[in-house]
């Protein structure tokens, strides 16, 4: 069983639990594919199908291929998203403003560092929906 999802791995201009804030444009060009991980570790658990910055943040559309994890997400037990990165440019102040980062991976997580980074929509792939009928 796989499960498609949409959400935000980063939300711009919102301070996270670690005192960082991601600014619009920080991800630059997103030409390279990045893996979808569970809790920033291990082998990929699915595929990132679309990844882009929009006015809100880093929007992600992906597919979870791990049946156990898909069940957790579908059941509402896991809704957090996060991203792994390397800082290319940042400004120091009351918070660290991330202005340029290299995106390494996107992860489904139990507790996102940025509470607003969440899965917002779910869909069972059409092929699987037809098989259940």
N, C-alpha and C. Protein backbone atom coordinates (compact mmCIF):
# COMPACT_ATOMS: atom_id res chain seq x y z
N UNK A 1 0.85 -1.18 0.00
CA UNK A 1 0.00 0.00 0.00
C UNK A 1 0.88 1.23 0.00
N UNK A 2 0.61 2.15 -0.90
CA UNK A 2 1.30 3.43 -0.88
C UNK A 2 0.26 4.52 -0.61
N UNK A 3 0.76 5.69 -0.29
CA UNK A 3 -0.10 6.81 0.08
C UNK A 3 0.53 8.09 -0.42
N UNK A 4 -0.23 8.89 -1.15
CA UNK A 4 0.26 10.19 -1.60
C UNK A 4 -0.10 11.23 -0.56
N UNK A 5 0.76 12.24 -0.46
CA UNK A 5 0.51 13.32 0.50
C UNK A 5 0.98 14.65 -0.06
N UNK A 6 0.48 15.72 0.52
CA UNK A 6 0.94 17.07 0.22
C UNK A 6 1.08 17.81 1.54
N UNK A 7 2.05 18.69 1.61
CA UNK A 7 2.25 19.47 2.81
C UNK A 7 3.44 20.40 2.66
N UNK A 8 3.89 20.92 3.79
CA UNK A 8 5.01 21.85 3.82
C UNK A 8 6.10 21.32 4.72
N UNK A 9 7.32 21.17 4.16
CA UNK A 9 8.48 20.74 4.94
C UNK A 9 9.11 21.93 5.64
N UNK A 10 8.86 23.14 5.14
CA UNK A 10 9.34 24.38 5.76
C UNK A 10 8.27 25.44 5.58
N UNK A 11 8.13 26.30 6.56
CA UNK A 11 7.22 27.43 6.50
C UNK A 11 8.05 28.69 6.69
N UNK A 12 7.95 29.61 5.74
CA UNK A 12 8.77 30.82 5.79
C UNK A 12 8.35 31.75 6.92
N UNK A 13 9.35 32.45 7.45
CA UNK A 13 9.17 33.55 8.40
C UNK A 13 8.53 33.13 9.73
N UNK A 14 8.62 31.87 10.08
CA UNK A 14 8.10 31.36 11.36
C UNK A 14 9.27 30.74 12.12
N UNK A 15 9.52 31.23 13.31
CA UNK A 15 10.64 30.73 14.11
C UNK A 15 10.35 29.31 14.58
N UNK A 16 11.33 28.41 14.42
CA UNK A 16 11.14 27.03 14.84
C UNK A 16 11.60 26.84 16.29
N UNK A 17 11.47 25.62 16.79
CA UNK A 17 11.82 25.33 18.19
C UNK A 17 13.30 25.51 18.49
N UNK A 18 14.14 25.50 17.46
CA UNK A 18 15.59 25.67 17.64
C UNK A 18 16.06 27.10 17.49
N UNK A 19 15.13 28.03 17.23
CA UNK A 19 15.50 29.43 17.08
C UNK A 19 15.92 29.81 15.67
N UNK A 20 15.61 28.98 14.68
CA UNK A 20 15.90 29.29 13.28
C UNK A 20 14.63 29.75 12.58
N UNK A 21 14.81 30.57 11.56
CA UNK A 21 13.70 30.97 10.70
C UNK A 21 14.19 30.88 9.26
N UNK A 22 13.40 30.23 8.43
CA UNK A 22 13.73 30.08 7.01
C UNK A 22 13.09 31.23 6.25
N UNK A 23 13.89 31.89 5.42
CA UNK A 23 13.38 33.00 4.62
C UNK A 23 13.07 32.54 3.20
N UNK A 24 12.10 33.20 2.58
CA UNK A 24 11.73 32.90 1.19
C UNK A 24 12.97 33.00 0.31
N UNK A 25 13.09 32.07 -0.60
CA UNK A 25 14.23 32.04 -1.51
C UNK A 25 15.41 31.25 -0.99
N UNK A 26 15.35 30.77 0.26
CA UNK A 26 16.48 30.07 0.87
C UNK A 26 16.84 28.78 0.14
N UNK A 27 15.89 28.15 -0.51
CA UNK A 27 16.14 26.86 -1.15
C UNK A 27 16.70 27.01 -2.56
N UNK A 28 16.64 28.22 -3.12
CA UNK A 28 17.19 28.45 -4.45
C UNK A 28 16.55 27.55 -5.48
N UNK A 29 17.36 27.10 -6.41
CA UNK A 29 16.85 26.20 -7.45
C UNK A 29 16.77 24.78 -6.89
N UNK A 30 15.64 24.14 -7.08
CA UNK A 30 15.41 22.80 -6.55
C UNK A 30 15.41 21.77 -7.68
N UNK A 31 16.47 21.75 -8.46
CA UNK A 31 16.53 20.85 -9.61
C UNK A 31 16.82 19.41 -9.22
N UNK A 32 17.58 19.21 -8.15
CA UNK A 32 17.98 17.85 -7.80
C UNK A 32 16.89 17.11 -7.03
N UNK A 33 16.84 15.81 -7.21
CA UNK A 33 15.91 14.97 -6.46
C UNK A 33 16.45 14.78 -5.04
N UNK A 34 15.55 14.76 -4.07
CA UNK A 34 15.95 14.49 -2.68
C UNK A 34 15.15 13.30 -2.18
N UNK A 35 15.74 12.52 -1.27
CA UNK A 35 15.02 11.35 -0.76
C UNK A 35 13.95 11.73 0.27
N UNK A 36 12.95 10.88 0.41
CA UNK A 36 11.95 10.98 1.47
C UNK A 36 12.33 9.97 2.53
N UNK A 37 12.65 10.46 3.73
CA UNK A 37 13.09 9.60 4.82
C UNK A 37 12.08 9.61 5.96
N UNK A 38 12.29 8.71 6.91
CA UNK A 38 11.53 8.66 8.16
C UNK A 38 12.48 9.12 9.27
N UNK A 39 12.13 10.21 9.95
CA UNK A 39 12.90 10.75 11.08
C UNK A 39 14.35 11.06 10.70
N UNK A 40 14.58 11.48 9.47
CA UNK A 40 15.92 11.89 8.98
C UNK A 40 16.92 10.74 8.93
N UNK A 41 16.46 9.49 8.94
CA UNK A 41 17.39 8.35 8.98
C UNK A 41 16.98 7.26 8.01
N UNK A 42 17.95 6.38 7.75
CA UNK A 42 17.69 5.14 7.05
C UNK A 42 17.47 5.27 5.56
N UNK A 43 16.92 4.22 5.01
CA UNK A 43 16.64 4.15 3.58
C UNK A 43 15.38 4.96 3.26
N UNK A 44 15.25 5.43 2.03
CA UNK A 44 14.03 6.15 1.65
C UNK A 44 12.77 5.32 1.90
N UNK A 45 11.70 6.01 2.31
CA UNK A 45 10.41 5.36 2.58
C UNK A 45 9.39 5.70 1.51
N UNK A 46 9.83 6.40 0.49
CA UNK A 46 8.95 6.80 -0.59
C UNK A 46 9.69 7.71 -1.55
N UNK A 47 8.91 8.52 -2.26
CA UNK A 47 9.45 9.37 -3.31
C UNK A 47 8.86 10.78 -3.20
N UNK A 48 9.71 11.78 -3.38
CA UNK A 48 9.23 13.15 -3.51
C UNK A 48 8.87 13.34 -4.97
N UNK A 49 7.61 13.63 -5.26
CA UNK A 49 7.15 13.78 -6.64
C UNK A 49 7.26 15.23 -7.10
N UNK A 50 6.99 16.18 -6.21
CA UNK A 50 7.11 17.60 -6.53
C UNK A 50 7.63 18.34 -5.32
N UNK A 51 8.45 19.33 -5.58
CA UNK A 51 9.07 20.11 -4.52
C UNK A 51 9.26 21.53 -5.05
N UNK A 52 8.69 22.51 -4.37
CA UNK A 52 8.82 23.88 -4.85
C UNK A 52 8.57 24.87 -3.72
N UNK A 53 9.20 26.02 -3.83
CA UNK A 53 8.89 27.12 -2.93
C UNK A 53 7.63 27.81 -3.46
N UNK A 54 6.72 28.16 -2.55
CA UNK A 54 5.61 29.03 -2.90
C UNK A 54 5.56 30.14 -1.86
N UNK A 55 4.51 30.92 -1.81
CA UNK A 55 4.44 32.05 -0.88
C UNK A 55 4.49 31.62 0.58
N UNK A 56 4.03 30.41 0.88
CA UNK A 56 3.99 29.92 2.27
C UNK A 56 5.29 29.26 2.71
N UNK A 57 5.91 28.48 1.83
CA UNK A 57 7.11 27.75 2.24
C UNK A 57 7.56 26.74 1.21
N UNK A 58 8.17 25.66 1.68
CA UNK A 58 8.64 24.58 0.81
C UNK A 58 7.53 23.54 0.71
N UNK A 59 6.80 23.58 -0.40
CA UNK A 59 5.67 22.68 -0.62
C UNK A 59 6.17 21.36 -1.18
N UNK A 60 5.65 20.27 -0.62
CA UNK A 60 6.07 18.93 -0.98
C UNK A 60 4.85 18.11 -1.38
N UNK A 61 4.97 17.38 -2.48
CA UNK A 61 4.01 16.35 -2.84
C UNK A 61 4.82 15.07 -2.97
N UNK A 62 4.41 14.04 -2.26
CA UNK A 62 5.18 12.81 -2.27
C UNK A 62 4.32 11.57 -2.17
N UNK A 63 5.00 10.45 -2.23
CA UNK A 63 4.34 9.15 -2.11
C UNK A 63 5.10 8.31 -1.09
N UNK A 64 4.38 7.78 -0.11
CA UNK A 64 4.95 6.91 0.90
C UNK A 64 4.76 5.47 0.43
N UNK A 65 5.86 4.73 0.29
CA UNK A 65 5.79 3.34 -0.17
C UNK A 65 5.89 2.33 0.97
N UNK A 66 6.29 2.77 2.14
CA UNK A 66 6.40 1.91 3.32
C UNK A 66 5.00 1.73 3.92
N UNK A 67 4.47 0.51 3.89
CA UNK A 67 3.09 0.25 4.31
C UNK A 67 2.83 0.63 5.77
N UNK A 68 3.78 0.32 6.66
CA UNK A 68 3.59 0.64 8.08
C UNK A 68 3.52 2.15 8.29
N UNK A 69 4.44 2.88 7.67
CA UNK A 69 4.45 4.33 7.80
C UNK A 69 3.23 4.96 7.14
N UNK A 70 2.83 4.43 5.99
CA UNK A 70 1.62 4.93 5.33
C UNK A 70 0.41 4.79 6.25
N UNK A 71 0.34 3.67 6.96
CA UNK A 71 -0.75 3.46 7.91
C UNK A 71 -0.72 4.45 9.05
N UNK A 72 0.47 4.76 9.55
CA UNK A 72 0.60 5.75 10.63
C UNK A 72 0.16 7.14 10.17
N UNK A 73 0.56 7.51 8.96
CA UNK A 73 0.19 8.82 8.43
C UNK A 73 -1.31 8.86 8.16
N UNK A 74 -1.84 7.81 7.54
CA UNK A 74 -3.27 7.76 7.25
C UNK A 74 -4.09 7.83 8.54
N UNK A 75 -3.62 7.16 9.59
CA UNK A 75 -4.34 7.15 10.86
C UNK A 75 -4.17 8.43 11.68
N UNK A 76 -3.34 9.35 11.23
CA UNK A 76 -3.17 10.62 11.93
C UNK A 76 -2.09 10.61 12.99
N UNK A 77 -1.40 9.48 13.17
CA UNK A 77 -0.35 9.40 14.19
C UNK A 77 0.93 10.12 13.82
N UNK A 78 1.16 10.30 12.53
CA UNK A 78 2.33 11.03 12.05
C UNK A 78 1.84 12.06 11.05
N UNK A 79 2.10 13.33 11.32
CA UNK A 79 1.69 14.40 10.41
C UNK A 79 2.79 15.42 10.18
N UNK A 80 3.94 15.25 10.84
CA UNK A 80 5.00 16.24 10.73
C UNK A 80 5.89 16.04 9.52
N UNK A 81 6.39 17.15 8.98
CA UNK A 81 7.38 17.14 7.93
C UNK A 81 8.58 17.95 8.38
N UNK A 82 9.72 17.64 7.83
CA UNK A 82 10.96 18.34 8.16
C UNK A 82 11.90 18.23 6.97
N UNK A 83 13.03 18.89 7.06
CA UNK A 83 14.01 18.79 5.99
C UNK A 83 15.41 18.82 6.57
N UNK A 84 16.31 18.08 5.92
CA UNK A 84 17.72 18.10 6.27
C UNK A 84 18.43 19.04 5.32
N UNK A 85 19.40 19.80 5.83
CA UNK A 85 20.03 20.84 5.01
C UNK A 85 21.43 21.15 5.49
N UNK A 86 22.15 21.85 4.63
CA UNK A 86 23.43 22.47 4.99
C UNK A 86 23.26 23.97 4.80
N UNK A 87 23.70 24.74 5.77
CA UNK A 87 23.58 26.20 5.68
C UNK A 87 24.63 26.74 4.72
N UNK A 88 24.19 27.53 3.75
CA UNK A 88 25.08 28.24 2.84
C UNK A 88 25.22 29.70 3.25
N UNK A 89 24.12 30.29 3.76
CA UNK A 89 24.15 31.69 4.21
C UNK A 89 23.09 31.88 5.28
N UNK A 90 23.47 32.65 6.31
CA UNK A 90 22.54 32.94 7.41
C UNK A 90 22.90 34.29 8.02
N UNK A 91 21.89 34.92 8.62
CA UNK A 91 22.12 36.17 9.36
C UNK A 91 21.85 35.89 10.83
N UNK A 92 22.73 36.40 11.67
CA UNK A 92 22.56 36.26 13.13
C UNK A 92 21.85 37.47 13.69
N UNK A 93 21.03 37.24 14.66
CA UNK A 93 20.29 38.28 15.36
C UNK A 93 19.58 37.60 16.51
N UNK A 94 18.40 38.08 16.87
CA UNK A 94 17.64 37.38 17.92
C UNK A 94 17.35 35.93 17.54
N UNK A 95 17.25 35.69 16.23
CA UNK A 95 17.09 34.33 15.69
C UNK A 95 18.10 34.18 14.55
N UNK A 96 18.39 32.94 14.18
CA UNK A 96 19.24 32.70 13.02
C UNK A 96 18.33 32.63 11.79
N UNK A 97 18.56 33.55 10.85
CA UNK A 97 17.77 33.61 9.62
C UNK A 97 18.50 32.83 8.54
N UNK A 98 17.90 31.73 8.10
CA UNK A 98 18.48 30.93 7.02
C UNK A 98 18.06 31.55 5.70
N UNK A 99 19.06 32.09 4.97
CA UNK A 99 18.78 32.77 3.71
C UNK A 99 19.20 31.95 2.49
N UNK A 100 20.05 30.95 2.69
CA UNK A 100 20.44 30.05 1.59
C UNK A 100 20.85 28.71 2.20
N UNK A 101 20.21 27.64 1.72
CA UNK A 101 20.53 26.30 2.21
C UNK A 101 20.61 25.32 1.05
N UNK A 102 21.40 24.27 1.24
CA UNK A 102 21.41 23.12 0.33
C UNK A 102 20.46 22.10 0.93
N UNK A 103 19.40 21.77 0.21
CA UNK A 103 18.43 20.78 0.67
C UNK A 103 19.01 19.38 0.47
N UNK A 104 19.06 18.59 1.54
CA UNK A 104 19.63 17.25 1.49
C UNK A 104 18.54 16.18 1.44
N UNK A 105 17.48 16.36 2.22
CA UNK A 105 16.40 15.37 2.27
C UNK A 105 15.16 16.00 2.88
N UNK A 106 14.03 15.33 2.67
CA UNK A 106 12.77 15.67 3.32
C UNK A 106 12.38 14.45 4.14
N UNK A 107 11.86 14.68 5.36
CA UNK A 107 11.49 13.58 6.23
C UNK A 107 10.08 13.73 6.77
N UNK A 108 9.42 12.59 6.91
CA UNK A 108 8.22 12.49 7.72
C UNK A 108 8.71 12.31 9.15
N UNK A 109 8.16 13.07 10.08
CA UNK A 109 8.64 13.03 11.46
C UNK A 109 7.46 13.05 12.43
N UNK A 110 7.70 12.51 13.61
CA UNK A 110 6.67 12.52 14.65
C UNK A 110 6.52 13.92 15.25
N UNK A 111 7.64 14.62 15.46
CA UNK A 111 7.64 15.96 16.05
C UNK A 111 8.51 16.89 15.21
N UNK A 112 7.92 17.69 14.33
CA UNK A 112 8.74 18.59 13.51
C UNK A 112 9.34 19.72 14.33
N UNK A 113 10.54 20.14 13.95
CA UNK A 113 11.18 21.29 14.59
C UNK A 113 10.32 22.54 14.37
N UNK A 114 9.73 22.64 13.18
CA UNK A 114 8.82 23.74 12.85
C UNK A 114 7.39 23.20 12.99
N UNK A 115 6.67 23.56 14.05
CA UNK A 115 5.34 23.01 14.29
C UNK A 115 4.35 23.21 13.13
N UNK A 116 4.58 24.20 12.27
CA UNK A 116 3.68 24.45 11.15
C UNK A 116 4.00 23.58 9.94
N UNK A 117 5.11 22.86 9.98
CA UNK A 117 5.51 21.99 8.86
C UNK A 117 4.76 20.67 8.99
N UNK A 118 3.71 20.52 8.19
CA UNK A 118 2.79 19.40 8.36
C UNK A 118 2.35 18.82 7.03
N UNK A 119 1.86 17.58 7.09
CA UNK A 119 1.12 16.97 6.00
C UNK A 119 -0.29 17.57 6.06
N UNK A 120 -0.76 18.09 4.93
CA UNK A 120 -2.08 18.73 4.90
C UNK A 120 -3.14 17.95 4.14
N UNK A 121 -2.70 17.08 3.22
CA UNK A 121 -3.67 16.34 2.41
C UNK A 121 -3.14 14.95 2.10
N UNK A 122 -4.05 13.99 2.04
CA UNK A 122 -3.71 12.59 1.74
C UNK A 122 -4.58 12.08 0.60
N UNK A 123 -4.03 11.14 -0.18
CA UNK A 123 -4.80 10.50 -1.25
C UNK A 123 -4.22 9.12 -1.51
N UNK A 124 -5.09 8.14 -1.61
CA UNK A 124 -4.68 6.79 -2.00
C UNK A 124 -4.50 6.81 -3.51
N UNK A 125 -3.38 6.30 -4.05
CA UNK A 125 -3.23 6.27 -5.50
C UNK A 125 -4.40 5.59 -6.18
N UNK A 126 -4.81 6.10 -7.34
CA UNK A 126 -5.98 5.61 -8.08
C UNK A 126 -5.96 4.11 -8.29
N UNK A 127 -4.81 3.56 -8.63
CA UNK A 127 -4.69 2.12 -8.89
C UNK A 127 -5.12 1.31 -7.66
N UNK A 128 -4.67 1.72 -6.48
CA UNK A 128 -5.03 1.00 -5.26
C UNK A 128 -6.48 1.21 -4.88
N UNK A 129 -7.02 2.39 -5.16
CA UNK A 129 -8.42 2.65 -4.87
C UNK A 129 -9.31 1.74 -5.71
N UNK A 130 -8.94 1.54 -6.99
CA UNK A 130 -9.73 0.64 -7.86
C UNK A 130 -9.64 -0.80 -7.39
N UNK A 131 -8.48 -1.23 -6.88
CA UNK A 131 -8.31 -2.61 -6.43
C UNK A 131 -9.19 -2.92 -5.23
N UNK A 132 -9.49 -1.92 -4.41
CA UNK A 132 -10.30 -2.15 -3.21
C UNK A 132 -11.79 -2.23 -3.52
N UNK A 133 -12.19 -1.80 -4.70
CA UNK A 133 -13.62 -1.81 -5.07
C UNK A 133 -14.09 -3.18 -5.43
